[in-house]
Amino acid sequence: MELTSGIFKAAENIYKNNKGSILRTFIYTIGHFAIAITVLMLVADVSFMIALTDAIVEPLANAVWYFILDKWWASRSKN
C-alpha cells in the first residue's frame, strides 16, 4: 500500500512540475500518429496495420526525444 501511494505521489509531482511539457508532448504525439499512418500508406504503400504499428512505435521514441528537448529548451530560455 505504501509503495503504491508513493508511486502515485511521485507521478503527481512529475505531472505538476511538467504539465505544459507533457501536454505539448501528448498533442505532438497524437498528431504524429495520424501523419505517420497517412504518409506510410500513401508513400510506402503499406497496409494499415503495418502503418499503424510503425506510427505507434516510432512516435513514442520521438515523444521521449521531444520531452527531453522541450525541457532543455525551456531551461535555456529562462536564463
Protein backbone atom coordinates (compact mmCIF):
# COMPACT_ATOMS: atom_id res chain seq x y z
CA MET A 1 0.00 0.00 0.00
CA GLU A 2 2.77 2.41 0.93
CA LEU A 3 4.69 1.65 -2.27
CA THR A 4 1.61 2.26 -4.40
CA SER A 5 0.83 5.58 -2.75
CA GLY A 6 4.48 6.59 -3.14
CA ILE A 7 4.36 5.83 -6.86
CA PHE A 8 1.17 7.85 -7.31
CA LYS A 9 2.63 10.74 -5.31
CA ALA A 10 5.79 10.71 -7.45
CA ALA A 11 3.70 10.62 -10.65
CA GLU A 12 1.60 13.53 -9.35
CA ASN A 13 4.73 15.57 -8.63
CA ILE A 14 6.16 14.82 -12.09
CA TYR A 15 2.86 15.89 -13.67
CA LYS A 16 2.60 19.10 -11.63
CA ASN A 17 6.20 20.09 -12.40
CA ASN A 18 5.94 19.30 -16.12
CA LYS A 19 2.29 19.93 -17.02
CA GLY A 20 2.99 22.17 -20.02
CA SER A 21 5.68 19.93 -21.48
CA ILE A 22 3.56 16.82 -21.00
CA LEU A 23 0.55 18.41 -22.72
CA ARG A 24 2.62 19.60 -25.70
CA THR A 25 4.28 16.20 -25.92
CA PHE A 26 0.90 14.42 -25.90
CA ILE A 27 -0.58 16.67 -28.62
CA TYR A 28 2.56 16.31 -30.76
CA THR A 29 2.47 12.51 -30.38
CA ILE A 30 -1.20 12.17 -31.38
CA GLY A 31 -0.60 14.34 -34.44
CA HIS A 32 2.45 12.31 -35.31
CA PHE A 33 0.40 9.06 -35.20
CA ALA A 34 -2.07 10.43 -37.75
CA ILE A 35 0.60 11.90 -40.03
CA ALA A 36 2.76 8.77 -39.94
CA ILE A 37 -0.13 6.45 -40.80
CA THR A 38 -1.19 8.64 -43.69
CA VAL A 39 2.30 9.10 -45.12
CA LEU A 40 3.21 5.42 -44.83
CA MET A 41 0.02 4.31 -46.52
CA LEU A 42 0.38 6.84 -49.36
CA VAL A 43 4.13 6.89 -49.94
CA ALA A 44 5.28 3.41 -48.95
CA ASP A 45 2.05 1.68 -49.99
CA VAL A 46 1.92 -0.46 -46.83
CA SER A 47 -1.15 -1.90 -45.18
CA PHE A 48 -2.99 -0.05 -42.45
CA MET A 49 -1.77 -2.50 -39.76
CA ILE A 50 1.88 -2.07 -40.71
CA ALA A 51 1.45 1.70 -40.90
CA LEU A 52 -0.33 1.68 -37.52
CA THR A 53 2.45 -0.36 -35.88
CA ASP A 54 5.16 1.93 -37.18
CA ALA A 55 3.08 5.01 -36.42
CA ILE A 56 2.83 3.98 -32.77
CA VAL A 57 6.37 2.72 -32.10
CA GLU A 58 8.32 5.47 -33.85
CA PRO A 59 6.40 8.45 -32.38
CA LEU A 60 6.74 7.05 -28.86
CA ALA A 61 10.50 7.27 -29.29
CA ASN A 62 10.06 10.76 -30.75
CA ALA A 63 7.84 11.74 -27.81
CA VAL A 64 10.62 10.91 -25.35
CA TRP A 65 13.06 12.86 -27.50
CA TYR A 66 10.69 15.85 -27.73
CA PHE A 67 10.09 15.88 -23.96
CA ILE A 68 13.84 15.97 -23.32
CA LEU A 69 14.31 18.66 -25.97
CA ASP A 70 11.45 20.76 -24.59
CA LYS A 71 12.77 20.55 -21.02
CA TRP A 72 16.25 21.57 -22.22
CA TRP A 73 14.83 24.38 -24.37
CA ALA A 74 12.68 25.73 -21.54
CA SER A 75 15.65 25.68 -19.14
CA ARG A 76 17.75 27.65 -21.64
CA SER A 77 15.07 30.27 -22.30
CA LYS A 78 14.67 31.11 -18.60
CA ASN A 79 18.25 32.43 -18.46
